[in-house]
């Protein structure tokens, strides 16, 4: 019989996986590009995308759920912007992950460039 594993993944790794999942659709990546450097009202984002308003809203919801964007109510509209602290945190998390991967050879041992 198989032995039950009791080790869990770290909270940082789970959070990074959640961000990766949220980034797993080209529409969400495009929304991040649109929001880079400025805030936008949902309707403005919809106008710039080849997706329906309801689909864009769902993508915004997923990006907001992982904290990459914030939405603030301005009258009858919601104005979205990037959460730059969350973006920087995700960037650093992915950099650490891929730096660690790049430092291993095919046998899983650290290679000479990672000394």
PDB file of N, CA and C in Angstrom:
ATOM      1  N   UNK A   1       0.842  -1.179   0.000  1.00  0.00           N
ATOM      2  CA  UNK A   1       0.000   0.000   0.000  1.00  0.00           C
ATOM      3  C   UNK A   1       0.888   1.243   0.000  1.00  0.00           C
ATOM      4  N   UNK A   2       0.457   2.270  -0.703  1.00  0.00           N
ATOM      5  CA  UNK A   2       1.225   3.509  -0.798  1.00  0.00           C
ATOM      6  C   UNK A   2       1.208   4.257   0.528  1.00  0.00           C
ATOM      7  N   UNK A   3       2.321   4.897   0.819  1.00  0.00           N
ATOM      8  CA  UNK A   3       2.435   5.678   2.040  1.00  0.00           C
ATOM      9  C   UNK A   3       1.847   7.071   1.804  1.00  0.00           C
ATOM     10  N   UNK A   4       1.049   7.531   2.740  1.00  0.00           N
ATOM     11  CA  UNK A   4       0.438   8.858   2.616  1.00  0.00           C
ATOM     12  C   UNK A   4       1.486   9.928   2.902  1.00  0.00           C
ATOM     13  N   UNK A   5       1.539  10.923   2.035  1.00  0.00           N
ATOM     14  CA  UNK A   5       2.497  12.010   2.204  1.00  0.00           C
ATOM     15  C   UNK A   5       1.868  13.105   3.057  1.00  0.00           C
ATOM     16  N   UNK A   6       2.651  13.615   3.988  1.00  0.00           N
ATOM     17  CA  UNK A   6       2.122  14.645   4.886  1.00  0.00           C
ATOM     18  C   UNK A   6       2.787  15.998   4.669  1.00  0.00           C
ATOM     19  N   UNK A   7       3.778  16.071   3.787  1.00  0.00           N
ATOM     20  CA  UNK A   7       4.470  17.321   3.522  1.00  0.00           C
ATOM     21  C   UNK A   7       3.596  18.182   2.610  1.00  0.00           C
ATOM     22  N   UNK A   8       3.456  19.441   2.975  1.00  0.00           N
ATOM     23  CA  UNK A   8       2.675  20.360   2.167  1.00  0.00           C
ATOM     24  C   UNK A   8       3.605  21.340   1.472  1.00  0.00           C
ATOM     25  N   UNK A   9       3.099  21.970   0.426  1.00  0.00           N
ATOM     26  CA  UNK A   9       3.865  23.000  -0.267  1.00  0.00           C
ATOM     27  C   UNK A   9       3.868  24.268   0.575  1.00  0.00           C
ATOM     28  N   UNK A  10       4.899  25.080   0.399  1.00  0.00           N
ATOM     29  CA  UNK A  10       4.988  26.332   1.158  1.00  0.00           C
ATOM     30  C   UNK A  10       3.917  27.304   0.671  1.00  0.00           C
ATOM     31  N   UNK A  11       3.552  28.224   1.537  1.00  0.00           N
ATOM     32  CA  UNK A  11       2.573  29.246   1.176  1.00  0.00           C
ATOM     33  C   UNK A  11       3.045  30.100   0.019  1.00  0.00           C
ATOM     34  N   UNK A  12       4.353  30.396  -0.029  1.00  0.00           N
ATOM     35  CA  UNK A  12       4.900  31.190  -1.129  1.00  0.00           C
ATOM     36  C   UNK A  12       4.751  30.468  -2.462  1.00  0.00           C
ATOM     37  N   UNK A  13       5.009  29.160  -2.457  1.00  0.00           N
ATOM     38  CA  UNK A  13       4.905  28.382  -3.689  1.00  0.00           C
ATOM     39  C   UNK A  13       3.448  28.273  -4.140  1.00  0.00           C
ATOM     40  N   UNK A  14       2.538  28.119  -3.202  1.00  0.00           N
ATOM     41  CA  UNK A  14       1.112  28.061  -3.538  1.00  0.00           C
ATOM     42  C   UNK A  14       0.653  29.386  -4.119  1.00  0.00           C
ATOM     43  N   UNK A  15       1.070  30.494  -3.513  1.00  0.00           N
ATOM     44  CA  UNK A  15       0.695  31.818  -4.017  1.00  0.00           C
ATOM     45  C   UNK A  15       1.253  32.041  -5.421  1.00  0.00           C
ATOM     46  N   UNK A  16       2.497  31.610  -5.654  1.00  0.00           N
ATOM     47  CA  UNK A  16       3.103  31.766  -6.970  1.00  0.00           C
ATOM     48  C   UNK A  16       2.355  30.920  -8.005  1.00  0.00           C
ATOM     49  N   UNK A  17       1.948  29.726  -7.626  1.00  0.00           N
ATOM     50  CA  UNK A  17       1.170  28.873  -8.534  1.00  0.00           C
ATOM     51  C   UNK A  17      -0.177  29.513  -8.858  1.00  0.00           C
ATOM     52  N   UNK A  18      -0.794  30.158  -7.877  1.00  0.00           N
ATOM     53  CA  UNK A  18      -2.061  30.862  -8.124  1.00  0.00           C
ATOM     54  C   UNK A  18      -1.871  31.994  -9.131  1.00  0.00           C
ATOM     55  N   UNK A  19      -0.777  32.727  -9.002  1.00  0.00           N
ATOM     56  CA  UNK A  19      -0.483  33.800  -9.958  1.00  0.00           C
ATOM     57  C   UNK A  19      -0.249  33.198 -11.340  1.00  0.00           C
ATOM     58  N   UNK A  20       0.518  32.104 -11.404  1.00  0.00           N
ATOM     59  CA  UNK A  20       0.785  31.462 -12.693  1.00  0.00           C
ATOM     60  C   UNK A  20      -0.524  31.018 -13.354  1.00  0.00           C
ATOM     61  N   UNK A  21      -1.417  30.486 -12.569  1.00  0.00           N
ATOM     62  CA  UNK A  21      -2.713  30.067 -13.107  1.00  0.00           C
ATOM     63  C   UNK A  21      -3.484  31.275 -13.637  1.00  0.00           C
ATOM     64  N   UNK A  22      -3.454  32.370 -12.894  1.00  0.00           N
ATOM     65  CA  UNK A  22      -4.160  33.578 -13.339  1.00  0.00           C
ATOM     66  C   UNK A  22      -3.545  34.137 -14.620  1.00  0.00           C
ATOM     67  N   UNK A  23      -2.262  33.932 -14.822  1.00  0.00           N
ATOM     68  CA  UNK A  23      -1.579  34.438 -16.015  1.00  0.00           C
ATOM     69  C   UNK A  23      -1.693  33.468 -17.195  1.00  0.00           C
ATOM     70  N   UNK A  24      -2.396  32.366 -17.000  1.00  0.00           N
ATOM     71  CA  UNK A  24      -2.476  31.315 -18.004  1.00  0.00           C
ATOM     72  C   UNK A  24      -3.447  31.556 -19.141  1.00  0.00           C
ATOM     73  N   UNK A  25      -3.875  32.781 -19.356  1.00  0.00           N
ATOM     74  CA  UNK A  25      -4.766  33.096 -20.477  1.00  0.00           C
ATOM     75  C   UNK A  25      -4.251  34.363 -21.152  1.00  0.00           C
ATOM     76  N   UNK A  26      -4.160  34.367 -22.480  1.00  0.00           N
ATOM     77  CA  UNK A  26      -3.629  35.550 -23.159  1.00  0.00           C
ATOM     78  C   UNK A  26      -4.465  36.806 -22.919  1.00  0.00           C
ATOM     79  N   UNK A  27      -5.748  36.654 -22.665  1.00  0.00           N
ATOM     80  CA  UNK A  27      -6.579  37.821 -22.374  1.00  0.00           C
ATOM     81  C   UNK A  27      -6.156  38.504 -21.088  1.00  0.00           C
ATOM     82  N   UNK A  28      -5.774  37.730 -20.103  1.00  0.00           N
ATOM     83  CA  UNK A  28      -5.337  38.302 -18.829  1.00  0.00           C
ATOM     84  C   UNK A  28      -3.988  38.990 -18.978  1.00  0.00           C
ATOM     85  N   UNK A  29      -3.116  38.400 -19.789  1.00  0.00           N
ATOM     86  CA  UNK A  29      -1.832  39.046 -20.054  1.00  0.00           C
ATOM     87  C   UNK A  29      -2.044  40.371 -20.776  1.00  0.00           C
ATOM     88  N   UNK A  30      -2.977  40.399 -21.704  1.00  0.00           N
ATOM     89  CA  UNK A  30      -3.265  41.640 -22.423  1.00  0.00           C
ATOM     90  C   UNK A  30      -3.841  42.693 -21.478  1.00  0.00           C
ATOM     91  N   UNK A  31      -4.682  42.285 -20.549  1.00  0.00           N
ATOM     92  CA  UNK A  31      -5.222  43.236 -19.571  1.00  0.00           C
ATOM     93  C   UNK A  31      -4.089  43.860 -18.768  1.00  0.00           C
ATOM     94  N   UNK A  32      -3.123  43.059 -18.349  1.00  0.00           N
ATOM     95  CA  UNK A  32      -1.982  43.599 -17.609  1.00  0.00           C
ATOM     96  C   UNK A  32      -1.213  44.604 -18.465  1.00  0.00           C
ATOM     97  N   UNK A  33      -1.042  44.286 -19.743  1.00  0.00           N
ATOM     98  CA  UNK A  33      -0.348  45.231 -20.637  1.00  0.00           C
ATOM     99  C   UNK A  33      -1.127  46.532 -20.771  1.00  0.00           C
ATOM    100  N   UNK A  34      -2.446  46.429 -20.870  1.00  0.00           N
ATOM    101  CA  UNK A  34      -3.284  47.626 -20.994  1.00  0.00           C
ATOM    102  C   UNK A  34      -3.170  48.486 -19.735  1.00  0.00           C
ATOM    103  N   UNK A  35      -3.150  47.826 -18.586  1.00  0.00           N
ATOM    104  CA  UNK A  35      -3.118  48.559 -17.317  1.00  0.00           C
ATOM    105  C   UNK A  35      -1.725  49.078 -16.950  1.00  0.00           C
ATOM    106  N   UNK A  36      -0.712  48.620 -17.624  1.00  0.00           N
ATOM    107  CA  UNK A  36       0.659  49.047 -17.300  1.00  0.00           C
ATOM    108  C   UNK A  36       0.778  50.557 -17.427  1.00  0.00           C
ATOM    109  N   UNK A  37       1.086  51.192 -16.326  1.00  0.00           N
ATOM    110  CA  UNK A  37       1.331  52.626 -16.333  1.00  0.00           C
ATOM    111  C   UNK A  37       0.111  53.506 -16.182  1.00  0.00           C
ATOM    112  N   UNK A  38      -1.079  52.921 -16.168  1.00  0.00           N
ATOM    113  CA  UNK A  38      -2.260  53.774 -16.024  1.00  0.00           C
ATOM    114  C   UNK A  38      -3.443  52.962 -15.515  1.00  0.00           C
ATOM    115  N   UNK A  39      -4.411  53.676 -15.004  1.00  0.00           N
ATOM    116  CA  UNK A  39      -5.663  53.069 -14.558  1.00  0.00           C
ATOM    117  C   UNK A  39      -6.679  53.138 -15.695  1.00  0.00           C
ATOM    118  N   UNK A  40      -7.551  52.164 -15.760  1.00  0.00           N
ATOM    119  CA  UNK A  40      -8.563  52.122 -16.814  1.00  0.00           C
ATOM    120  C   UNK A  40      -9.906  51.712 -16.246  1.00  0.00           C
ATOM    121  N   UNK A  41     -10.926  52.248 -16.829  1.00  0.00           N
ATOM    122  CA  UNK A  41     -12.287  51.826 -16.503  1.00  0.00           C
ATOM    123  C   UNK A  41     -12.579  50.569 -17.317  1.00  0.00           C
ATOM    124  N   UNK A  42     -13.345  49.671 -16.745  1.00  0.00           N
ATOM    125  CA  UNK A  42     -13.624  48.385 -17.375  1.00  0.00           C
ATOM    126  C   UNK A  42     -14.054  48.551 -18.833  1.00  0.00           C
ATOM    127  N   UNK A  43     -14.913  49.489 -19.126  1.00  0.00           N
ATOM    128  CA  UNK A  43     -15.377  49.701 -20.499  1.00  0.00           C
ATOM    129  C   UNK A  43     -14.255  50.040 -21.452  1.00  0.00           C
ATOM    130  N   UNK A  44     -13.260  50.778 -20.985  1.00  0.00           N
ATOM    131  CA  UNK A  44     -12.101  51.107 -21.821  1.00  0.00           C
ATOM    132  C   UNK A  44     -11.286  49.854 -22.139  1.00  0.00           C
ATOM    133  N   UNK A  45     -11.176  48.984 -21.156  1.00  0.00           N
ATOM    134  CA  UNK A  45     -10.449  47.731 -21.364  1.00  0.00           C
ATOM    135  C   UNK A  45     -11.202  46.877 -22.379  1.00  0.00           C
ATOM    136  N   UNK A  46     -12.512  46.782 -22.226  1.00  0.00           N
ATOM    137  CA  UNK A  46     -13.344  45.994 -23.144  1.00  0.00           C
ATOM    138  C   UNK A  46     -13.180  46.505 -24.567  1.00  0.00           C
ATOM    139  N   UNK A  47     -13.152  47.832 -24.739  1.00  0.00           N
ATOM    140  CA  UNK A  47     -13.025  48.427 -26.076  1.00  0.00           C
ATOM    141  C   UNK A  47     -11.716  48.046 -26.762  1.00  0.00           C
ATOM    142  N   UNK A  48     -10.699  47.731 -25.974  1.00  0.00           N
ATOM    143  CA  UNK A  48      -9.375  47.432 -26.537  1.00  0.00           C
ATOM    144  C   UNK A  48      -9.117  45.938 -26.698  1.00  0.00           C
ATOM    145  N   UNK A  49     -10.132  45.122 -26.376  1.00  0.00           N
ATOM    146  CA  UNK A  49      -9.927  43.672 -26.408  1.00  0.00           C
ATOM    147  C   UNK A  49     -10.936  43.003 -27.343  1.00  0.00           C
ATOM    148  N   UNK A  50     -10.551  41.852 -27.909  1.00  0.00           N
ATOM    149  CA  UNK A  50     -11.457  41.119 -28.788  1.00  0.00           C
ATOM    150  C   UNK A  50     -12.383  40.173 -28.015  1.00  0.00           C
ATOM    151  N   UNK A  51     -12.784  40.590 -26.816  1.00  0.00           N
ATOM    152  CA  UNK A  51     -13.609  39.754 -25.937  1.00  0.00           C
ATOM    153  C   UNK A  51     -14.845  40.527 -25.503  1.00  0.00           C
ATOM    154  N   UNK A  52     -15.864  39.802 -25.114  1.00  0.00           N
ATOM    155  CA  UNK A  52     -17.090  40.439 -24.639  1.00  0.00           C
ATOM    156  C   UNK A  52     -16.869  41.067 -23.270  1.00  0.00           C
ATOM    157  N   UNK A  53     -17.757  41.960 -22.884  1.00  0.00           N
ATOM    158  CA  UNK A  53     -17.663  42.632 -21.581  1.00  0.00           C
ATOM    159  C   UNK A  53     -17.703  41.622 -20.447  1.00  0.00           C
ATOM    160  N   UNK A  54     -18.570  40.627 -20.547  1.00  0.00           N
ATOM    161  CA  UNK A  54     -18.671  39.650 -19.455  1.00  0.00           C
ATOM    162  C   UNK A  54     -17.402  38.809 -19.340  1.00  0.00           C
ATOM    163  N   UNK A  55     -16.777  38.489 -20.461  1.00  0.00           N
ATOM    164  CA  UNK A  55     -15.530  37.721 -20.430  1.00  0.00           C
ATOM    165  C   UNK A  55     -14.401  38.550 -19.837  1.00  0.00           C
ATOM    166  N   UNK A  56     -14.310  39.810 -20.239  1.00  0.00           N
ATOM    167  CA  UNK A  56     -13.290  40.702 -19.675  1.00  0.00           C
ATOM    168  C   UNK A  56     -13.494  40.836 -18.166  1.00  0.00           C
ATOM    169  N   UNK A  57     -14.745  40.973 -17.749  1.00  0.00           N
ATOM    170  CA  UNK A  57     -15.037  41.081 -16.315  1.00  0.00           C
ATOM    171  C   UNK A  57     -14.576  39.847 -15.555  1.00  0.00           C
ATOM    172  N   UNK A  58     -14.753  38.664 -16.132  1.00  0.00           N
ATOM    173  CA  UNK A  58     -14.293  37.435 -15.479  1.00  0.00           C
ATOM    174  C   UNK A  58     -12.770  37.404 -15.378  1.00  0.00           C
ATOM    175  N   UNK A  59     -12.104  37.854 -16.427  1.00  0.00           N
ATOM    176  CA  UNK A  59     -10.637  37.903 -16.387  1.00  0.00           C
ATOM    177  C   UNK A  59     -10.153  38.915 -15.342  1.00  0.00           C
ATOM    178  N   UNK A  60     -10.813  40.055 -15.262  1.00  0.00           N
ATOM    179  CA  UNK A  60     -10.472  41.050 -14.240  1.00  0.00           C
ATOM    180  C   UNK A  60     -10.659  40.455 -12.843  1.00  0.00           C
ATOM    181  N   UNK A  61     -11.721  39.703 -12.661  1.00  0.00           N
ATOM    182  CA  UNK A  61     -12.000  39.072 -11.367  1.00  0.00           C
ATOM    183  C   UNK A  61     -10.864  38.122 -10.973  1.00  0.00           C
ATOM    184  N   UNK A  62     -10.365  37.340 -11.925  1.00  0.00           N
ATOM    185  CA  UNK A  62      -9.278  36.396 -11.626  1.00  0.00           C
ATOM    186  C   UNK A  62      -7.982  37.130 -11.290  1.00  0.00           C
ATOM    187  N   UNK A  63      -7.684  38.186 -12.022  1.00  0.00           N
ATOM    188  CA  UNK A  63      -6.474  38.965 -11.726  1.00  0.00           C
ATOM    189  C   UNK A  63      -6.580  39.667 -10.381  1.00  0.00           C
ATOM    190  N   UNK A  64      -7.779  40.112 -10.053  1.00  0.00           N
ATOM    191  CA  UNK A  64      -7.999  40.770  -8.762  1.00  0.00           C
ATOM    192  C   UNK A  64      -7.897  39.756  -7.622  1.00  0.00           C
ATOM    193  N   UNK A  65      -8.387  38.539  -7.856  1.00  0.00           N
ATOM    194  CA  UNK A  65      -8.362  37.495  -6.825  1.00  0.00           C
ATOM    195  C   UNK A  65      -6.937  37.182  -6.374  1.00  0.00           C
ATOM    196  N   UNK A  66      -5.976  37.202  -7.305  1.00  0.00           N
ATOM    197  CA  UNK A  66      -4.586  36.923  -6.928  1.00  0.00           C
ATOM    198  C   UNK A  66      -3.831  38.192  -6.558  1.00  0.00           C
ATOM    199  N   UNK A  67      -4.516  39.336  -6.608  1.00  0.00           N
ATOM    200  CA  UNK A  67      -3.935  40.582  -6.122  1.00  0.00           C
ATOM    201  C   UNK A  67      -3.106  41.372  -7.113  1.00  0.00           C
ATOM    202  N   UNK A  68      -3.058  40.944  -8.372  1.00  0.00           N
ATOM    203  CA  UNK A  68      -2.245  41.676  -9.341  1.00  0.00           C
ATOM    204  C   UNK A  68      -2.868  43.009  -9.739  1.00  0.00           C
ATOM    205  N   UNK A  69      -4.181  43.123  -9.597  1.00  0.00           N
ATOM    206  CA  UNK A  69      -4.855  44.381  -9.900  1.00  0.00           C
ATOM    207  C   UNK A  69      -5.776  44.751  -8.757  1.00  0.00           C
ATOM    208  N   UNK A  70      -6.134  46.035  -8.726  1.00  0.00           N
ATOM    209  CA  UNK A  70      -7.110  46.548  -7.763  1.00  0.00           C
ATOM    210  C   UNK A  70      -8.218  47.218  -8.556  1.00  0.00           C
ATOM    211  N   UNK A  71      -9.396  47.217  -7.994  1.00  0.00           N
ATOM    212  CA  UNK A  71     -10.519  47.898  -8.612  1.00  0.00           C
ATOM    213  C   UNK A  71     -11.155  48.840  -7.616  1.00  0.00           C
ATOM    214  N   UNK A  72     -11.334  50.093  -8.021  1.00  0.00           N
ATOM    215  CA  UNK A  72     -11.953  51.094  -7.150  1.00  0.00           C
ATOM    216  C   UNK A  72     -13.199  51.628  -7.826  1.00  0.00           C
ATOM    217  N   UNK A  73     -14.248  51.737  -7.060  1.00  0.00           N
ATOM    218  CA  UNK A  73     -15.516  52.224  -7.586  1.00  0.00           C
ATOM    219  C   UNK A  73     -15.449  53.736  -7.756  1.00  0.00           C
ATOM    220  N   UNK A  74     -15.773  54.183  -8.961  1.00  0.00           N
ATOM    221  CA  UNK A  74     -15.844  55.613  -9.269  1.00  0.00           C
ATOM    222  C   UNK A  74     -17.225  55.871  -9.858  1.00  0.00           C
ATOM    223  N   UNK A  75     -18.151  56.243  -9.016  1.00  0.00           N
ATOM    224  CA  UNK A  75     -19.529  56.440  -9.475  1.00  0.00           C
ATOM    225  C   UNK A  75     -20.103  55.104  -9.919  1.00  0.00           C
ATOM    226  N   UNK A  76     -20.651  55.053 -11.135  1.00  0.00           N
ATOM    227  CA  UNK A  76     -21.244  53.800 -11.598  1.00  0.00           C
ATOM    228  C   UNK A  76     -20.236  52.841 -12.235  1.00  0.00           C
ATOM    229  N   UNK A  77     -18.965  53.220 -12.239  1.00  0.00           N
ATOM    230  CA  UNK A  77     -17.939  52.409 -12.909  1.00  0.00           C
ATOM    231  C   UNK A  77     -16.879  51.939 -11.926  1.00  0.00           C
ATOM    232  N   UNK A  78     -16.118  50.951 -12.379  1.00  0.00           N
ATOM    233  CA  UNK A  78     -14.973  50.481 -11.607  1.00  0.00           C
ATOM    234  C   UNK A  78     -13.714  50.804 -12.396  1.00  0.00           C
ATOM    235  N   UNK A  79     -12.784  51.458 -11.735  1.00  0.00           N
ATOM    236  CA  UNK A  79     -11.501  51.829 -12.336  1.00  0.00           C
ATOM    237  C   UNK A  79     -10.454  50.830 -11.836  1.00  0.00           C
ATOM    238  N   UNK A  80      -9.768  50.176 -12.767  1.00  0.00           N
ATOM    239  CA  UNK A  80      -8.775  49.162 -12.425  1.00  0.00           C
ATOM    240  C   UNK A  80      -7.366  49.700 -12.614  1.00  0.00           C
ATOM    241  N   UNK A  81      -6.458  49.212 -11.766  1.00  0.00           N
ATOM    242  CA  UNK A  81      -5.045  49.541 -11.902  1.00  0.00           C
ATOM    243  C   UNK A  81      -4.218  48.369 -11.405  1.00  0.00           C
ATOM    244  N   UNK A  82      -2.961  48.344 -11.819  1.00  0.00           N
ATOM    245  CA  UNK A  82      -2.049  47.312 -11.335  1.00  0.00           C
ATOM    246  C   UNK A  82      -1.710  47.573  -9.879  1.00  0.00           C
ATOM    247  N   UNK A  83      -1.536  46.519  -9.110  1.00  0.00           N
ATOM    248  CA  UNK A  83      -0.973  46.629  -7.774  1.00  0.00           C
ATOM    249  C   UNK A  83       0.514  46.357  -7.943  1.00  0.00           C
ATOM    250  N   UNK A  84       1.287  47.417  -8.010  1.00  0.00           N
ATOM    251  CA  UNK A  84       2.702  47.284  -8.353  1.00  0.00           C
ATOM    252  C   UNK A  84       3.489  46.495  -7.311  1.00  0.00           C
ATOM    253  N   UNK A  85       3.071  46.531  -6.045  1.00  0.00           N
ATOM    254  CA  UNK A  85       3.745  45.708  -5.040  1.00  0.00           C
ATOM    255  C   UNK A  85       3.540  44.227  -5.337  1.00  0.00           C
ATOM    256  N   UNK A  86       2.318  43.860  -5.709  1.00  0.00           N
ATOM    257  CA  UNK A  86       2.016  42.466  -6.040  1.00  0.00           C
ATOM    258  C   UNK A  86       2.721  42.039  -7.324  1.00  0.00           C
ATOM    259  N   UNK A  87       2.774  42.933  -8.309  1.00  0.00           N
ATOM    260  CA  UNK A  87       3.479  42.635  -9.554  1.00  0.00           C
ATOM    261  C   UNK A  87       4.966  42.395  -9.265  1.00  0.00           C
ATOM    262  N   UNK A  88       5.565  43.253  -8.453  1.00  0.00           N
ATOM    263  CA  UNK A  88       6.984  43.104  -8.109  1.00  0.00           C
ATOM    264  C   UNK A  88       7.223  41.814  -7.333  1.00  0.00           C
ATOM    265  N   UNK A  89       6.314  41.482  -6.434  1.00  0.00           N
ATOM    266  CA  UNK A  89       6.441  40.251  -5.660  1.00  0.00           C
ATOM    267  C   UNK A  89       6.366  39.021  -6.565  1.00  0.00           C
ATOM    268  N   UNK A  90       5.435  39.030  -7.507  1.00  0.00           N
ATOM    269  CA  UNK A  90       5.316  37.915  -8.446  1.00  0.00           C
ATOM    270  C   UNK A  90       6.568  37.824  -9.315  1.00  0.00           C
ATOM    271  N   UNK A  91       7.062  38.956  -9.775  1.00  0.00           N
ATOM    272  CA  UNK A  91       8.262  38.973 -10.608  1.00  0.00           C
ATOM    273  C   UNK A  91       9.441  38.373  -9.844  1.00  0.00           C
ATOM    274  N   UNK A  92       9.600  38.758  -8.591  1.00  0.00           N
ATOM    275  CA  UNK A  92      10.696  38.231  -7.774  1.00  0.00           C
ATOM    276  C   UNK A  92      10.517  36.736  -7.513  1.00  0.00           C
ATOM    277  N   UNK A  93       9.270  36.318  -7.266  1.00  0.00           N
ATOM    278  CA  UNK A  93       8.998  34.897  -7.027  1.00  0.00           C
ATOM    279  C   UNK A  93       9.339  34.037  -8.231  1.00  0.00           C
ATOM    280  N   UNK A  94       8.933  34.497  -9.423  1.00  0.00           N
ATOM    281  CA  UNK A  94       9.257  33.749 -10.637  1.00  0.00           C
ATOM    282  C   UNK A  94      10.760  33.772 -10.910  1.00  0.00           C
ATOM    283  N   UNK A  95      11.411  34.902 -10.644  1.00  0.00           N
ATOM    284  CA  UNK A  95      12.857  34.993 -10.845  1.00  0.00           C
ATOM    285  C   UNK A  95      13.580  33.993  -9.942  1.00  0.00           C
ATOM    286  N   UNK A  96      13.181  33.920  -8.661  1.00  0.00           N
ATOM    287  CA  UNK A  96      13.808  32.952  -7.747  1.00  0.00           C
ATOM    288  C   UNK A  96      13.582  31.522  -8.227  1.00  0.00           C
ATOM    289  N   UNK A  97      12.361  31.231  -8.674  1.00  0.00           N
ATOM    290  CA  UNK A  97      12.035  29.890  -9.148  1.00  0.00           C
ATOM    291  C   UNK A  97      12.907  29.517 -10.341  1.00  0.00           C
ATOM    292  N   UNK A  98      12.934  30.382 -11.349  1.00  0.00           N
ATOM    293  CA  UNK A  98      13.680  30.052 -12.558  1.00  0.00           C
ATOM    294  C   UNK A  98      15.187  30.139 -12.359  1.00  0.00           C
ATOM    295  N   UNK A  99      15.653  31.001 -11.479  1.00  0.00           N
ATOM    296  CA  UNK A  99      17.082  31.022 -11.154  1.00  0.00           C
ATOM    297  C   UNK A  99      17.487  29.687 -10.537  1.00  0.00           C
ATOM    298  N   UNK A 100      16.646  29.171  -9.655  1.00  0.00           N
ATOM    299  CA  UNK A 100      16.925  27.875  -9.034  1.00  0.00           C
ATOM    300  C   UNK A 100      16.903  26.734 -10.033  1.00  0.00           C
ATOM    301  N   UNK A 101      15.978  26.811 -10.984  1.00  0.00           N
ATOM    302  CA  UNK A 101      15.903  25.779 -12.019  1.00  0.00           C
ATOM    303  C   UNK A 101      17.134  25.849 -12.920  1.00  0.00           C
ATOM    304  N   UNK A 102      17.522  27.061 -13.295  1.00  0.00           N
ATOM    305  CA  UNK A 102      18.660  27.252 -14.198  1.00  0.00           C
ATOM    306  C   UNK A 102      19.972  26.796 -13.569  1.00  0.00           C
ATOM    307  N   UNK A 103      20.014  26.732 -12.254  1.00  0.00           N
ATOM    308  CA  UNK A 103      21.243  26.353 -11.562  1.00  0.00           C
ATOM    309  C   UNK A 103      21.417  24.844 -11.443  1.00  0.00           C
ATOM    310  N   UNK A 104      20.503  24.082 -11.948  1.00  0.00           N
ATOM    311  CA  UNK A 104      20.617  22.623 -11.852  1.00  0.00           C
ATOM    312  C   UNK A 104      20.933  22.028 -13.208  1.00  0.00           C
ATOM    313  N   UNK A 105      21.773  21.001 -13.199  1.00  0.00           N
ATOM    314  CA  UNK A 105      22.045  20.280 -14.436  1.00  0.00           C
ATOM    315  C   UNK A 105      21.008  19.174 -14.606  1.00  0.00           C
ATOM    316  N   UNK A 106      21.152  18.359 -15.601  1.00  0.00           N
ATOM    317  CA  UNK A 106      20.153  17.330 -15.899  1.00  0.00           C
ATOM    318  C   UNK A 106      20.031  16.283 -14.791  1.00  0.00           C
ATOM    319  N   UNK A 107      21.016  16.176 -13.927  1.00  0.00           N
ATOM    320  CA  UNK A 107      20.943  15.223 -12.811  1.00  0.00           C
ATOM    321  C   UNK A 107      20.399  15.869 -11.540  1.00  0.00           C
ATOM    322  N   UNK A 108      19.989  17.145 -11.634  1.00  0.00           N
ATOM    323  CA  UNK A 108      19.434  17.829 -10.479  1.00  0.00           C
ATOM    324  C   UNK A 108      20.472  18.408  -9.543  1.00  0.00           C
ATOM    325  N   UNK A 109      21.721  18.390  -9.964  1.00  0.00           N
ATOM    326  CA  UNK A 109      22.797  18.937  -9.149  1.00  0.00           C
ATOM    327  C   UNK A 109      23.110  20.355  -9.592  1.00  0.00           C
ATOM    328  N   UNK A 110      23.583  21.173  -8.652  1.00  0.00           N
ATOM    329  CA  UNK A 110      23.952  22.538  -9.018  1.00  0.00           C
ATOM    330  C   UNK A 110      25.091  22.513 -10.013  1.00  0.00           C
ATOM    331  N   UNK A 111      24.998  23.376 -11.024  1.00  0.00           N
ATOM    332  CA  UNK A 111      26.095  23.442 -11.988  1.00  0.00           C
ATOM    333  C   UNK A 111      27.074  24.532 -11.601  1.00  0.00           C
ATOM    334  N   UNK A 112      28.160  24.644 -12.343  1.00  0.00           N
ATOM    335  CA  UNK A 112      29.251  25.537 -11.959  1.00  0.00           C
ATOM    336  C   UNK A 112      28.871  27.007 -11.956  1.00  0.00           C
ATOM    337  N   UNK A 113      27.880  27.430 -12.723  1.00  0.00           N
ATOM    338  CA  UNK A 113      27.530  28.859 -12.761  1.00  0.00           C
ATOM    339  C   UNK A 113      26.725  29.302 -11.534  1.00  0.00           C
ATOM    340  N   UNK A 114      26.401  28.373 -10.665  1.00  0.00           N
ATOM    341  CA  UNK A 114      25.562  28.725  -9.507  1.00  0.00           C
ATOM    342  C   UNK A 114      26.327  28.700  -8.204  1.00  0.00           C
ATOM    343  N   UNK A 115      27.610  28.634  -8.262  1.00  0.00           N
ATOM    344  CA  UNK A 115      28.469  28.548  -7.092  1.00  0.00           C
ATOM    345  C   UNK A 115      28.212  29.538  -6.087  1.00  0.00           C
TER     346      UNK A 115
END
